[in-house]
PDB file of N, CA and C in Angstrom:
ATOM      1  N   MET A   1     -19.315 117.208  44.855  1.00  0.00           N
ATOM      2  CA  MET A   1     -18.759 116.213  44.637  1.00  0.00           C
ATOM      3  C   MET A   1     -17.528 116.672  43.507  1.00  0.00           C
ATOM      4  N   ILE A   2     -18.335 116.490  41.841  1.00  0.00           N
ATOM      5  CA  ILE A   2     -17.591 116.708  40.456  1.00  0.00           C
ATOM      6  C   ILE A   2     -16.215 117.652  40.554  1.00  0.00           C
ATOM      7  N   LEU A   3     -15.923 118.453  41.306  1.00  0.00           N
ATOM      8  CA  LEU A   3     -15.502 119.487  42.078  1.00  0.00           C
ATOM      9  C   LEU A   3     -13.838 118.177  42.712  1.00  0.00           C
ATOM     10  N   ALA A   4     -13.905 117.307  43.096  1.00  0.00           N
ATOM     11  CA  ALA A   4     -13.367 116.437  44.488  1.00  0.00           C
ATOM     12  C   ALA A   4     -13.695 115.272  43.656  1.00  0.00           C
ATOM     13  N   VAL A   5     -14.459 114.792  42.586  1.00  0.00           N
ATOM     14  CA  VAL A   5     -13.784 113.424  41.605  1.00  0.00           C
ATOM     15  C   VAL A   5     -12.682 114.294  40.879  1.00  0.00           C
ATOM     16  N   LEU A   6     -12.740 115.235  40.249  1.00  0.00           N
ATOM     17  CA  LEU A   6     -12.716 115.412  39.026  1.00  0.00           C
ATOM     18  C   LEU A   6     -10.638 115.974  39.861  1.00  0.00           C
ATOM     19  N   THR A   7     -10.657 116.701  40.818  1.00  0.00           N
ATOM     20  CA  THR A   7      -9.569 116.468  41.745  1.00  0.00           C
ATOM     21  C   THR A   7      -8.342 115.799  41.984  1.00  0.00           C
ATOM     22  N   GLY A   8      -9.109 114.143  42.275  1.00  0.00           N
ATOM     23  CA  GLY A   8      -9.293 113.293  42.365  1.00  0.00           C
ATOM     24  C   GLY A   8      -8.403 112.008  41.407  1.00  0.00           C
ATOM     25  N   VAL A   9      -8.932 112.676  39.888  1.00  0.00           N
ATOM     26  CA  VAL A   9      -7.956 112.286  39.101  1.00  0.00           C
ATOM     27  C   VAL A   9      -7.390 112.841  38.406  1.00  0.00           C
ATOM     28  N   ILE A  10      -6.652 114.280  38.261  1.00  0.00           N
ATOM     29  CA  ILE A  10      -5.623 114.772  38.180  1.00  0.00           C
ATOM     30  C   ILE A  10      -4.610 114.344  39.227  1.00  0.00           C
ATOM     31  N   ILE A  11      -4.393 114.603  40.194  1.00  0.00           N
ATOM     32  CA  ILE A  11      -3.688 113.576  41.364  1.00  0.00           C
ATOM     33  C   ILE A  11      -3.480 113.000  41.702  1.00  0.00           C
ATOM     34  N   TYR A  12      -4.205 111.244  40.944  1.00  0.00           N
ATOM     35  CA  TYR A  12      -3.909 110.647  40.991  1.00  0.00           C
ATOM     36  C   TYR A  12      -2.802 110.576  39.842  1.00  0.00           C
ATOM     37  N   MET A  13      -3.872 110.511  38.480  1.00  0.00           N
ATOM     38  CA  MET A  13      -3.047 111.010  37.180  1.00  0.00           C
ATOM     39  C   MET A  13      -1.359 111.616  36.779  1.00  0.00           C
ATOM     40  N   VAL A  14      -1.187 112.568  38.168  1.00  0.00           N
ATOM     41  CA  VAL A  14      -0.072 113.213  38.139  1.00  0.00           C
ATOM     42  C   VAL A  14       0.757 113.118  39.454  1.00  0.00           C
ATOM     43  N   SER A  15       0.268 112.502  40.169  1.00  0.00           N
ATOM     44  CA  SER A  15       1.613 111.765  41.098  1.00  0.00           C
ATOM     45  C   SER A  15       2.421 110.819  40.731  1.00  0.00           C
ATOM     46  N   GLY A  16       1.522 109.521  39.997  1.00  0.00           N
ATOM     47  CA  GLY A  16       1.870 108.479  38.977  1.00  0.00           C
ATOM     48  C   GLY A  16       2.882 108.752  38.263  1.00  0.00           C
ATOM     49  N   MET A  17       2.769 109.542  37.117  1.00  0.00           N
ATOM     50  CA  MET A  17       3.352 109.952  36.551  1.00  0.00           C
ATOM     51  C   MET A  17       4.798 110.536  37.133  1.00  0.00           C
ATOM     52  N   ILE A  18       4.535 111.540  38.577  1.00  0.00           N
ATOM     53  CA  ILE A  18       6.002 111.451  39.651  1.00  0.00           C
ATOM     54  C   ILE A  18       6.588 110.753  39.823  1.00  0.00           C
ATOM     55  N   TYR A  19       6.130 109.800  40.772  1.00  0.00           N
ATOM     56  CA  TYR A  19       6.342 108.330  40.982  1.00  0.00           C
ATOM     57  C   TYR A  19       7.307 107.503  39.768  1.00  0.00           C
ATOM     58  N   TYR A  20       6.731 107.092  38.847  1.00  0.00           N
ATOM     59  CA  TYR A  20       7.475 106.612  38.256  1.00  0.00           C
ATOM     60  C   TYR A  20       8.653 106.986  37.499  1.00  0.00           C
ATOM     61  N   SER A  21       8.784 108.533  37.351  1.00  0.00           N
ATOM     62  CA  SER A  21       9.528 109.542  36.970  1.00  0.00           C
ATOM     63  C   SER A  21      10.520 109.154  37.701  1.00  0.00           C
ATOM     64  N   VAL A  22      10.795 108.860  38.472  1.00  0.00           N
ATOM     65  CA  VAL A  22      11.667 109.088  39.488  1.00  0.00           C
ATOM     66  C   VAL A  22      12.114 108.181  39.982  1.00  0.00           C
ATOM     67  N   LEU A  23      11.039 106.555  40.134  1.00  0.00           N
ATOM     68  CA  LEU A  23      12.200 105.248  40.260  1.00  0.00           C
ATOM     69  C   LEU A  23      12.899 105.063  38.722  1.00  0.00           C
ATOM     70  N   GLY A  24      12.369 105.673  37.753  1.00  0.00           N
ATOM     71  CA  GLY A  24      12.999 105.437  35.624  1.00  0.00           C
ATOM     72  C   GLY A  24      11.910 104.597  35.378  1.00  0.00           C
ATOM     73  N   ASN A  25      13.289 103.749  35.085  1.00  0.00           N
ATOM     74  CA  ASN A  25      12.407 102.092  34.200  1.00  0.00           C
ATOM     75  C   ASN A  25      12.780 101.719  34.905  1.00  0.00           C
ATOM     76  N   ARG A  26      13.656 101.417  36.280  1.00  0.00           N
ATOM     77  CA  ARG A  26      13.483 100.736  36.893  1.00  0.00           C
ATOM     78  C   ARG A  26      12.273  99.549  37.330  1.00  0.00           C
ATOM     79  N   TRP A  27      11.110  99.814  37.796  1.00  0.00           N
ATOM     80  CA  TRP A  27       9.863  98.939  37.020  1.00  0.00           C
ATOM     81  C   TRP A  27       9.941  97.912  36.091  1.00  0.00           C
ATOM     82  N   VAL A  28      10.272  98.945  34.895  1.00  0.00           N
ATOM     83  CA  VAL A  28      10.458  97.869  34.211  1.00  0.00           C
ATOM     84  C   VAL A  28      11.332  97.027  33.654  1.00  0.00           C
ATOM     85  N   ASP A  29      12.661  97.166  34.071  1.00  0.00           N
ATOM     86  CA  ASP A  29      13.256  96.436  34.153  1.00  0.00           C
ATOM     87  C   ASP A  29      12.768  95.005  35.598  1.00  0.00           C
ATOM     88  N   LEU A  30      12.828  95.002  36.336  1.00  0.00           N
ATOM     89  CA  LEU A  30      12.331  94.254  37.855  1.00  0.00           C
ATOM     90  C   LEU A  30      11.228  93.118  36.873  1.00  0.00           C
ATOM     91  N   LEU A  31      10.073  94.500  35.723  1.00  0.00           N
ATOM     92  CA  LEU A  31       9.420  93.131  35.697  1.00  0.00           C
ATOM     93  C   LEU A  31       9.527  92.534  34.057  1.00  0.00           C
ATOM     94  N   ASN A  32      10.968  92.480  33.067  1.00  0.00           N
ATOM     95  CA  ASN A  32      11.127  91.808  32.489  1.00  0.00           C
ATOM     96  C   ASN A  32      10.449  92.670  31.596  1.00  0.00           C
ATOM     97  N   ILE A  33      10.178  93.550  31.503  1.00  0.00           N
ATOM     98  CA  ILE A  33       9.272  94.312  29.422  1.00  0.00           C
ATOM     99  C   ILE A  33       9.626  95.535  29.168  1.00  0.00           C
ATOM    100  N   LYS A  34       8.516  94.958  27.639  1.00  0.00           N
ATOM    101  CA  LYS A  34       9.179  96.634  27.185  1.00  0.00           C
ATOM    102  C   LYS A  34       7.583  97.257  27.760  1.00  0.00           C
ATOM    103  N   PRO A  35       8.371  98.188  27.755  1.00  0.00           N
ATOM    104  CA  PRO A  35       7.380 100.020  27.521  1.00  0.00           C
ATOM    105  C   PRO A  35       6.209  99.210  26.497  1.00  0.00           C
ATOM    106  N   GLU A  36       4.916  99.987  26.943  1.00  0.00           N
ATOM    107  CA  GLU A  36       4.233  99.524  25.671  1.00  0.00           C
ATOM    108  C   GLU A  36       3.464 101.398  26.068  1.00  0.00           C
ATOM    109  N   GLN A  37       2.903 102.203  25.110  1.00  0.00           N
ATOM    110  CA  GLN A  37       2.224 102.805  25.414  1.00  0.00           C
ATOM    111  C   GLN A  37       0.451 102.595  25.911  1.00  0.00           C
ATOM    112  N   PRO A  38       0.515 103.360  26.926  1.00  0.00           N
ATOM    113  CA  PRO A  38      -1.099 102.455  27.718  1.00  0.00           C
ATOM    114  C   PRO A  38      -2.187 102.959  27.370  1.00  0.00           C
ATOM    115  N   ASN A  39      -2.891 102.475  27.319  1.00  0.00           N
ATOM    116  CA  ASN A  39      -4.955 102.499  26.793  1.00  0.00           C
ATOM    117  C   ASN A  39      -5.297 103.640  27.502  1.00  0.00           C
ATOM    118  N   TYR A  40      -4.747 105.381  27.658  1.00  0.00           N
ATOM    119  CA  TYR A  40      -4.939 106.351  28.363  1.00  0.00           C
ATOM    120  C   TYR A  40      -6.432 105.880  29.184  1.00  0.00           C
ATOM    121  N   GLY A  41      -7.689 105.603  27.752  1.00  0.00           N
ATOM    122  CA  GLY A  41      -8.910 106.048  27.693  1.00  0.00           C
ATOM    123  C   GLY A  41      -9.357 105.266  28.624  1.00  0.00           C
ATOM    124  N   MET A  42      -8.774 104.047  29.011  1.00  0.00           N
ATOM    125  CA  MET A  42      -8.986 102.565  30.086  1.00  0.00           C
ATOM    126  C   MET A  42      -8.622 103.848  31.315  1.00  0.00           C
ATOM    127  N   LEU A  43      -7.220 104.139  31.796  1.00  0.00           N
ATOM    128  CA  LEU A  43      -6.397 104.369  32.644  1.00  0.00           C
ATOM    129  C   LEU A  43      -8.051 105.258  33.701  1.00  0.00           C
ATOM    130  N   THR A  44      -8.360 106.271  32.232  1.00  0.00           N
ATOM    131  CA  THR A  44      -8.613 107.812  32.672  1.00  0.00           C
ATOM    132  C   THR A  44     -10.283 106.874  32.825  1.00  0.00           C
ATOM    133  N   LEU A  45     -10.545 105.739  32.946  1.00  0.00           N
ATOM    134  CA  LEU A  45     -11.879 105.642  33.200  1.00  0.00           C
ATOM    135  C   LEU A  45     -11.813 104.483  34.563  1.00  0.00           C
ATOM    136  N   VAL A  46     -10.488 104.043  34.862  1.00  0.00           N
ATOM    137  CA  VAL A  46     -10.675 103.525  36.318  1.00  0.00           C
ATOM    138  C   VAL A  46     -10.246 104.180  37.321  1.00  0.00           C
ATOM    139  N   THR A  47      -9.404 104.845  36.999  1.00  0.00           N
ATOM    140  CA  THR A  47      -8.769 106.650  37.822  1.00  0.00           C
ATOM    141  C   THR A  47     -10.047 107.542  38.572  1.00  0.00           C
ATOM    142  N   LEU A  48     -10.678 107.764  37.889  1.00  0.00           N
ATOM    143  CA  LEU A  48     -12.178 108.213  38.102  1.00  0.00           C
ATOM    144  C   LEU A  48     -13.171 107.215  38.372  1.00  0.00           C
ATOM    145  N   PHE A  49     -13.747 105.923  38.053  1.00  0.00           N
ATOM    146  CA  PHE A  49     -13.499 104.868  39.395  1.00  0.00           C
ATOM    147  C   PHE A  49     -13.162 104.933  40.386  1.00  0.00           C
ATOM    148  N   THR A  50     -12.031 105.057  40.575  1.00  0.00           N
ATOM    149  CA  THR A  50     -11.295 105.115  42.276  1.00  0.00           C
ATOM    150  C   THR A  50     -11.483 106.048  42.767  1.00  0.00           C
ATOM    151  N   SER A  51     -12.161 107.386  41.579  1.00  0.00           N
ATOM    152  CA  SER A  51     -12.080 108.604  43.038  1.00  0.00           C
ATOM    153  C   SER A  51     -12.969 108.432  43.084  1.00  0.00           C
ATOM    154  N   ILE A  52     -13.883 108.501  42.479  1.00  0.00           N
ATOM    155  CA  ILE A  52     -15.864 108.255  42.586  1.00  0.00           C
ATOM    156  C   ILE A  52     -15.792 107.086  43.577  1.00  0.00           C
ATOM    157  N   VAL A  53     -15.207 106.444  43.938  1.00  0.00           N
ATOM    158  CA  VAL A  53     -15.044 105.245  45.575  1.00  0.00           C
ATOM    159  C   VAL A  53     -15.038 105.836  46.402  1.00  0.00           C
ATOM    160  N   LEU A  54     -13.438 106.816  46.261  1.00  0.00           N
ATOM    161  CA  LEU A  54     -13.031 107.112  47.614  1.00  0.00           C
ATOM    162  C   LEU A  54     -13.730 108.246  47.645  1.00  0.00           C
ATOM    163  N   TYR A  55     -14.171 108.844  47.342  1.00  0.00           N
ATOM    164  CA  TYR A  55     -15.056 110.499  47.557  1.00  0.00           C
ATOM    165  C   TYR A  55     -16.402 109.507  48.341  1.00  0.00           C
ATOM    166  N   GLY A  56     -17.081 108.087  48.339  1.00  0.00           N
ATOM    167  CA  GLY A  56     -17.763 108.002  48.781  1.00  0.00           C
ATOM    168  C   GLY A  56     -17.832 107.439  49.836  1.00  0.00           C
ATOM    169  N   VAL A  57     -16.547 106.601  49.921  1.00  0.00           N
ATOM    170  CA  VAL A  57     -15.880 106.463  51.330  1.00  0.00           C
ATOM    171  C   VAL A  57     -15.964 107.821  52.370  1.00  0.00           C
ATOM    172  N   LEU A  58     -15.146 108.870  51.910  1.00  0.00           N
ATOM    173  CA  LEU A  58     -14.942 109.307  52.928  1.00  0.00           C
ATOM    174  C   LEU A  58     -16.391 110.515  53.301  1.00  0.00           C
ATOM    175  N   GLN A  59     -17.694 110.221  52.632  1.00  0.00           N
ATOM    176  CA  GLN A  59     -19.519 110.359  52.709  1.00  0.00           C
ATOM    177  C   GLN A  59     -19.862 109.512  53.599  1.00  0.00           C
ATOM    178  N   LEU A  60     -19.459 108.370  52.784  1.00  0.00           N
ATOM    179  CA  LEU A  60     -20.535 107.611  54.106  1.00  0.00           C
ATOM    180  C   LEU A  60     -19.514 107.495  55.557  1.00  0.00           C
ATOM    181  N   SER A  61     -18.455 107.655  55.347  1.00  0.00           N
ATOM    182  CA  SER A  61     -18.100 107.391  57.213  1.00  0.00           C
ATOM    183  C   SER A  61     -17.618 109.055  58.130  1.00  0.00           C
ATOM    184  N   GLN A  62     -18.586 110.254  57.162  1.00  0.00           N
ATOM    185  CA  GLN A  62     -18.331 111.096  58.036  1.00  0.00           C
ATOM    186  C   GLN A  62     -17.318 111.901  58.164  1.00  0.00           C
ATOM    187  N   ALA A  63     -16.486 111.811  57.762  1.00  0.00           N
ATOM    188  CA  ALA A  63     -14.271 111.850  57.567  1.00  0.00           C
ATOM    189  C   ALA A  63     -15.404 113.946  57.850  1.00  0.00           C
ATOM    190  N   GLN A  64     -14.081 114.651  58.707  1.00  0.00           N
ATOM    191  CA  GLN A  64     -14.695 115.580  58.769  1.00  0.00           C
ATOM    192  C   GLN A  64     -13.122 116.222  58.749  1.00  0.00           C
ATOM    193  N   THR A  65     -12.520 116.078  59.222  1.00  0.00           N
ATOM    194  CA  THR A  65     -10.681 116.856  58.816  1.00  0.00           C
ATOM    195  C   THR A  65      -9.829 116.412  57.925  1.00  0.00           C
ATOM    196  N   LEU A  66      -8.685 116.537  57.372  1.00  0.00           N
ATOM    197  CA  LEU A  66      -8.167 116.297  56.777  1.00  0.00           C
ATOM    198  C   LEU A  66      -7.059 114.981  57.043  1.00  0.00           C
ATOM    199  N   VAL A  67      -6.717 114.845  58.545  1.00  0.00           N
ATOM    200  CA  VAL A  67      -6.145 113.658  58.874  1.00  0.00           C
ATOM    201  C   VAL A  67      -7.433 112.607  58.149  1.00  0.00           C
ATOM    202  N   ASP A  68      -9.121 112.351  59.260  1.00  0.00           N
ATOM    203  CA  ASP A  68      -9.408 112.319  58.490  1.00  0.00           C
ATOM    204  C   ASP A  68      -9.236 110.925  56.872  1.00  0.00           C
ATOM    205  N   GLY A  69      -9.474 112.205  56.501  1.00  0.00           N
ATOM    206  CA  GLY A  69      -9.118 111.773  54.732  1.00  0.00           C
ATOM    207  C   GLY A  69      -8.216 111.338  54.513  1.00  0.00           C
ATOM    208  N   ALA A  70      -7.469 112.019  55.151  1.00  0.00           N
ATOM    209  CA  ALA A  70      -5.863 111.114  54.521  1.00  0.00           C
ATOM    210  C   ALA A  70      -5.859 109.537  55.965  1.00  0.00           C
ATOM    211  N   LEU A  71      -6.528 109.231  56.604  1.00  0.00           N
ATOM    212  CA  LEU A  71      -6.374 107.973  57.328  1.00  0.00           C
ATOM    213  C   LEU A  71      -7.479 107.414  56.303  1.00  0.00           C
ATOM    214  N   LEU A  72      -8.615 107.717  55.539  1.00  0.00           N
ATOM    215  CA  LEU A  72      -9.484 106.535  55.387  1.00  0.00           C
ATOM    216  C   LEU A  72      -8.719 106.661  53.707  1.00  0.00           C
ATOM    217  N   GLY A  73      -7.923 107.025  53.092  1.00  0.00           N
ATOM    218  CA  GLY A  73      -7.355 107.116  52.042  1.00  0.00           C
ATOM    219  C   GLY A  73      -6.191 106.401  52.161  1.00  0.00           C
ATOM    220  N   GLY A  74      -5.652 106.342  53.729  1.00  0.00           N
ATOM    221  CA  GLY A  74      -3.819 105.481  53.989  1.00  0.00           C
ATOM    222  C   GLY A  74      -5.174 103.961  53.679  1.00  0.00           C
ATOM    223  N   ALA A  75      -6.027 103.946  54.099  1.00  0.00           N
ATOM    224  CA  ALA A  75      -6.339 102.720  54.384  1.00  0.00           C
ATOM    225  C   ALA A  75      -6.866 102.233  53.266  1.00  0.00           C
ATOM    226  N   VAL A  76      -7.913 102.957  51.897  1.00  0.00           N
ATOM    227  CA  VAL A  76      -8.024 102.493  51.045  1.00  0.00           C
ATOM    228  C   VAL A  76      -7.200 101.884  50.194  1.00  0.00           C
ATOM    229  N   GLY A  77      -5.296 102.193  50.265  1.00  0.00           N
ATOM    230  CA  GLY A  77      -4.268 102.110  49.864  1.00  0.00           C
ATOM    231  C   GLY A  77      -3.920 100.765  50.878  1.00  0.00           C
ATOM    232  N   ILE A  78      -4.187 100.761  51.382  1.00  0.00           N
ATOM    233  CA  ILE A  78      -3.835  99.116  52.235  1.00  0.00           C
ATOM    234  C   ILE A  78      -4.489  98.579  51.515  1.00  0.00           C
ATOM    235  N   ILE A  79      -6.551  98.187  51.555  1.00  0.00           N
ATOM    236  CA  ILE A  79      -6.656  97.617  50.658  1.00  0.00           C
ATOM    237  C   ILE A  79      -6.560  97.264  49.442  1.00  0.00           C
ATOM    238  N   VAL A  80      -5.788  98.000  48.600  1.00  0.00           N
ATOM    239  CA  VAL A  80      -5.562  98.065  47.151  1.00  0.00           C
ATOM    240  C   VAL A  80      -3.709  96.804  47.599  1.00  0.00           C
ATOM    241  N   ALA A  81      -3.349  96.789  48.577  1.00  0.00           N
ATOM    242  CA  ALA A  81      -2.045  96.519  48.462  1.00  0.00           C
ATOM    243  C   ALA A  81      -2.840  95.140  48.450  1.00  0.00           C
ATOM    244  N   LEU A  82      -3.001  95.101  49.423  1.00  0.00           N
ATOM    245  CA  LEU A  82      -3.636  92.939  49.925  1.00  0.00           C
ATOM    246  C   LEU A  82      -4.058  93.034  49.172  1.00  0.00           C
ATOM    247  N   ALA A  83      -5.314  93.401  48.076  1.00  0.00           N
ATOM    248  CA  ALA A  83      -5.952  92.595  46.830  1.00  0.00           C
ATOM    249  C   ALA A  83      -4.656  92.599  46.036  1.00  0.00           C
ATOM    250  N   TYR A  84      -3.012  93.806  46.122  1.00  0.00           N
ATOM    251  CA  TYR A  84      -1.925  93.046  45.401  1.00  0.00           C
ATOM    252  C   TYR A  84      -1.429  91.549  45.618  1.00  0.00           C
ATOM    253  N   ALA A  85      -1.496  91.488  46.900  1.00  0.00           N
ATOM    254  CA  ALA A  85      -0.665  90.592  47.594  1.00  0.00           C
ATOM    255  C   ALA A  85      -1.487  89.372  47.360  1.00  0.00           C
ATOM    256  N   LYS A  86      -2.212  90.058  47.312  1.00  0.00           N
ATOM    257  CA  LYS A  86      -3.731  87.649  46.790  1.00  0.00           C
ATOM    258  C   LYS A  86      -2.059  87.961  45.176  1.00  0.00           C
ATOM    259  N   ASP A  87      -3.097  88.563  44.342  1.00  0.00           N
ATOM    260  CA  ASP A  87      -2.205  88.006  42.433  1.00  0.00           C
ATOM    261  C   ASP A  87      -0.694  88.216  43.000  1.00  0.00           C
ATOM    262  N   PHE A  88      -0.329  88.546  43.526  1.00  0.00           N
ATOM    263  CA  PHE A  88       1.282  88.318  43.974  1.00  0.00           C
ATOM    264  C   PHE A  88       1.214  87.423  44.080  1.00  0.00           C
ATOM    265  N   ILE A  89       0.261  86.160  45.295  1.00  0.00           N
ATOM    266  CA  ILE A  89       0.624  84.714  45.659  1.00  0.00           C
ATOM    267  C   ILE A  89       0.430  84.205  44.886  1.00  0.00           C
ATOM    268  N   PHE A  90      -1.224  84.541  43.421  1.00  0.00           N
ATOM    269  CA  PHE A  90      -0.344  83.543  42.930  1.00  0.00           C
ATOM    270  C   PHE A  90      -0.014  82.963  41.512  1.00  0.00           C
ATOM    271  N   GLY A  91       0.971  84.114  41.589  1.00  0.00           N
ATOM    272  CA  GLY A  91       1.655  84.340  40.131  1.00  0.00           C
ATOM    273  C   GLY A  91       1.883  84.999  39.499  1.00  0.00           C
ATOM    274  N   LEU A  92       0.839  86.704  40.115  1.00  0.00           N
ATOM    275  CA  LEU A  92       1.032  88.065  39.567  1.00  0.00           C
ATOM    276  C   LEU A  92       2.869  88.607  38.798  1.00  0.00           C
ATOM    277  N   GLY A  93       3.853  88.253  39.905  1.00  0.00           N
ATOM    278  CA  GLY A  93       5.263  88.790  39.596  1.00  0.00           C
ATOM    279  C   GLY A  93       5.955  87.658  39.046  1.00  0.00           C
ATOM    280  N   THR A  94       5.583  86.594  38.873  1.00  0.00           N
ATOM    281  CA  THR A  94       6.686  85.414  38.467  1.00  0.00           C
ATOM    282  C   THR A  94       7.591  85.414  37.305  1.00  0.00           C
ATOM    283  N   ASN A  95       6.855  86.501  36.675  1.00  0.00           N
ATOM    284  CA  ASN A  95       8.593  86.154  35.559  1.00  0.00           C
ATOM    285  C   ASN A  95       9.072  87.747  36.028  1.00  0.00           C
ATOM    286  N   SER A  96       8.518  88.948  36.613  1.00  0.00           N
ATOM    287  CA  SER A  96       9.580  89.516  37.460  1.00  0.00           C
ATOM    288  C   SER A  96      10.781  89.582  38.183  1.00  0.00           C
ATOM    289  N   LYS A  97      11.105  89.912  38.198  1.00  0.00           N
ATOM    290  CA  LYS A  97      12.908  90.060  38.487  1.00  0.00           C
ATOM    291  C   LYS A  97      13.191  89.292  39.593  1.00  0.00           C
ATOM    292  N   LYS A  98      12.672  90.949  40.736  1.00  0.00           N
ATOM    293  CA  LYS A  98      12.188  90.739  42.022  1.00  0.00           C
ATOM    294  C   LYS A  98      10.607  90.960  41.990  1.00  0.00           C
ATOM    295  N   PRO A  99      10.240  90.170  42.490  1.00  0.00           N
ATOM    296  CA  PRO A  99       8.913  89.953  42.934  1.00  0.00           C
ATOM    297  C   PRO A  99       8.682  90.662  43.888  1.00  0.00           C
ATOM    298  N   THR A 100       9.396  90.880  45.307  1.00  0.00           N
ATOM    299  CA  THR A 100       8.648  91.732  46.207  1.00  0.00           C
ATOM    300  C   THR A 100       9.001  93.477  46.090  1.00  0.00           C
ATOM    301  N   SER A 101      10.471  93.433  45.420  1.00  0.00           N
ATOM    302  CA  SER A 101      10.396  94.362  44.567  1.00  0.00           C
ATOM    303  C   SER A 101       9.118  95.434  43.973  1.00  0.00           C
ATOM    304  N   ILE A 102       8.673  93.949  42.788  1.00  0.00           N
ATOM    305  CA  ILE A 102       7.783  95.159  41.635  1.00  0.00           C
ATOM    306  C   ILE A 102       6.401  95.307  42.502  1.00  0.00           C
ATOM    307  N   TYR A 103       6.253  94.393  43.704  1.00  0.00           N
ATOM    308  CA  TYR A 103       5.145  94.235  44.855  1.00  0.00           C
ATOM    309  C   TYR A 103       5.560  95.670  45.984  1.00  0.00           C
ATOM    310  N   LEU A 104       6.276  96.159  45.820  1.00  0.00           N
ATOM    311  CA  LEU A 104       6.371  96.750  46.905  1.00  0.00           C
ATOM    312  C   LEU A 104       6.592  98.422  46.062  1.00  0.00           C
ATOM    313  N   ILE A 105       6.994  98.503  45.127  1.00  0.00           N
ATOM    314  CA  ILE A 105       6.938  99.795  43.714  1.00  0.00           C
ATOM    315  C   ILE A 105       5.410  99.583  43.713  1.00  0.00           C
ATOM    316  N   ALA A 106       4.508  99.306  43.439  1.00  0.00           N
ATOM    317  CA  ALA A 106       3.846  98.971  42.882  1.00  0.00           C
ATOM    318  C   ALA A 106       1.712  99.673  44.224  1.00  0.00           C
ATOM    319  N   VAL A 107       2.700  98.819  44.861  1.00  0.00           N
ATOM    320  CA  VAL A 107       1.257  99.329  46.334  1.00  0.00           C
ATOM    321  C   VAL A 107       1.992 100.299  46.368  1.00  0.00           C
ATOM    322  N   GLY A 108       3.139 100.864  46.649  1.00  0.00           N
ATOM    323  CA  GLY A 108       3.960 102.275  47.084  1.00  0.00           C
ATOM    324  C   GLY A 108       2.453 103.505  47.172  1.00  0.00           C
ATOM    325  N   TYR A 109       2.590 103.272  45.235  1.00  0.00           N
ATOM    326  CA  TYR A 109       2.389 104.329  44.752  1.00  0.00           C
ATOM    327  C   TYR A 109       1.175 104.956  44.638  1.00  0.00           C
ATOM    328  N   HIS A 110       0.134 103.614  45.046  1.00  0.00           N
ATOM    329  CA  HIS A 110      -1.230 103.708  45.057  1.00  0.00           C
ATOM    330  C   HIS A 110      -1.824 104.016  46.495  1.00  0.00           C
ATOM    331  N   PHE A 111      -0.974 103.636  47.824  1.00  0.00           N
ATOM    332  CA  PHE A 111      -0.748 103.861  49.129  1.00  0.00           C
ATOM    333  C   PHE A 111      -0.378 105.473  49.842  1.00  0.00           C
ATOM    334  N   ILE A 112       0.476 105.657  48.721  1.00  0.00           N
ATOM    335  CA  ILE A 112       0.770 107.376  48.890  1.00  0.00           C
ATOM    336  C   ILE A 112       0.417 108.203  48.255  1.00  0.00           C
ATOM    337  N   ALA A 113      -0.300 107.518  46.565  1.00  0.00           N
ATOM    338  CA  ALA A 113      -2.020 108.999  45.754  1.00  0.00           C
ATOM    339  C   ALA A 113      -3.169 108.796  46.511  1.00  0.00           C
ATOM    340  N   LEU A 114      -3.540 107.828  47.591  1.00  0.00           N
ATOM    341  CA  LEU A 114      -4.636 107.670  47.951  1.00  0.00           C
ATOM    342  C   LEU A 114      -4.400 108.292  48.972  1.00  0.00           C
ATOM    343  N   THR A 115      -4.238 108.910  49.609  1.00  0.00           N
ATOM    344  CA  THR A 115      -3.207 109.068  50.972  1.00  0.00           C
ATOM    345  C   THR A 115      -3.859 110.863  51.123  1.00  0.00           C
ATOM    346  N   ILE A 116      -2.509 110.884  49.358  1.00  0.00           N
ATOM    347  CA  ILE A 116      -2.748 112.437  49.674  1.00  0.00           C
ATOM    348  C   ILE A 116      -4.418 113.257  48.879  1.00  0.00           C
ATOM    349  N   ILE A 117      -5.276 112.173  47.721  1.00  0.00           N
ATOM    350  CA  ILE A 117      -5.960 112.548  47.757  1.00  0.00           C
ATOM    351  C   ILE A 117      -7.378 111.678  48.398  1.00  0.00           C
ATOM    352  N   GLY A 118      -7.222 111.128  49.622  1.00  0.00           N
ATOM    353  CA  GLY A 118      -8.137 111.292  50.247  1.00  0.00           C
ATOM    354  C   GLY A 118      -8.196 112.709  51.640  1.00  0.00           C
ATOM    355  N   THR A 119      -7.238 113.318  51.886  1.00  0.00           N
ATOM    356  CA  THR A 119      -6.534 114.543  52.234  1.00  0.00           C
ATOM    357  C   THR A 119      -7.032 115.382  51.310  1.00  0.00           C
ATOM    358  N   VAL A 120      -6.826 115.558  49.897  1.00  0.00           N
ATOM    359  CA  VAL A 120      -7.628 116.744  49.469  1.00  0.00           C
ATOM    360  C   VAL A 120      -9.347 117.070  48.715  1.00  0.00           C
ATOM    361  N   MET A 121      -9.320 115.372  49.031  1.00  0.00           N
ATOM    362  CA  MET A 121     -10.949 115.353  48.821  1.00  0.00           C
ATOM    363  C   MET A 121     -11.433 116.046  50.069  1.00  0.00           C
ATOM    364  N   MET A 122     -11.196 116.090  51.479  1.00  0.00           N
ATOM    365  CA  MET A 122     -11.852 116.658  52.575  1.00  0.00           C
ATOM    366  C   MET A 122     -11.911 118.334  52.656  1.00  0.00           C
ATOM    367  N   PHE A 123     -11.187 118.900  51.464  1.00  0.00           N
ATOM    368  CA  PHE A 123     -11.570 120.084  51.224  1.00  0.00           C
ATOM    369  C   PHE A 123     -12.540 121.099  50.750  1.00  0.00           C
ATOM    370  N   PHE A 124     -12.953 119.469  50.172  1.00  0.00           N
ATOM    371  CA  PHE A 124     -14.532 119.926  48.860  1.00  0.00           C
ATOM    372  C   PHE A 124     -15.764 118.721  49.731  1.00  0.00           C
ATOM    373  N   ILE A 125     -15.068 118.523  50.602  1.00  0.00           N
ATOM    374  CA  ILE A 125     -17.045 117.750  51.837  1.00  0.00           C
ATOM    375  C   ILE A 125     -17.176 119.327  52.778  1.00  0.00           C
TER     376      ILE A 125
END
């Protein structure tokens, strides 16, 4: 379990670096903010918790194949997307230049990352 969760944390963080590097500062421009140094401790803690929850979902669902892992990871990504949608409906993206674009950028990352993590975690189950 520990190796699966730590692998999930690493994949989540590295995929975020790659994803947002490819986008450049587009997401910053759309949010109309100045980028600041993130709180890496809190970021790591939330990422760790997310990996633990996804591992638990995979275990409880009795997933057996890589496809099972990908589908469940993607399903968790869709749940994240729905939670973001609710926040955007209530105004989270109101200060951004294009709320729909920033929403798609944010949820796209989580959907892709969680699908990959779900797949990779299956190697440890």
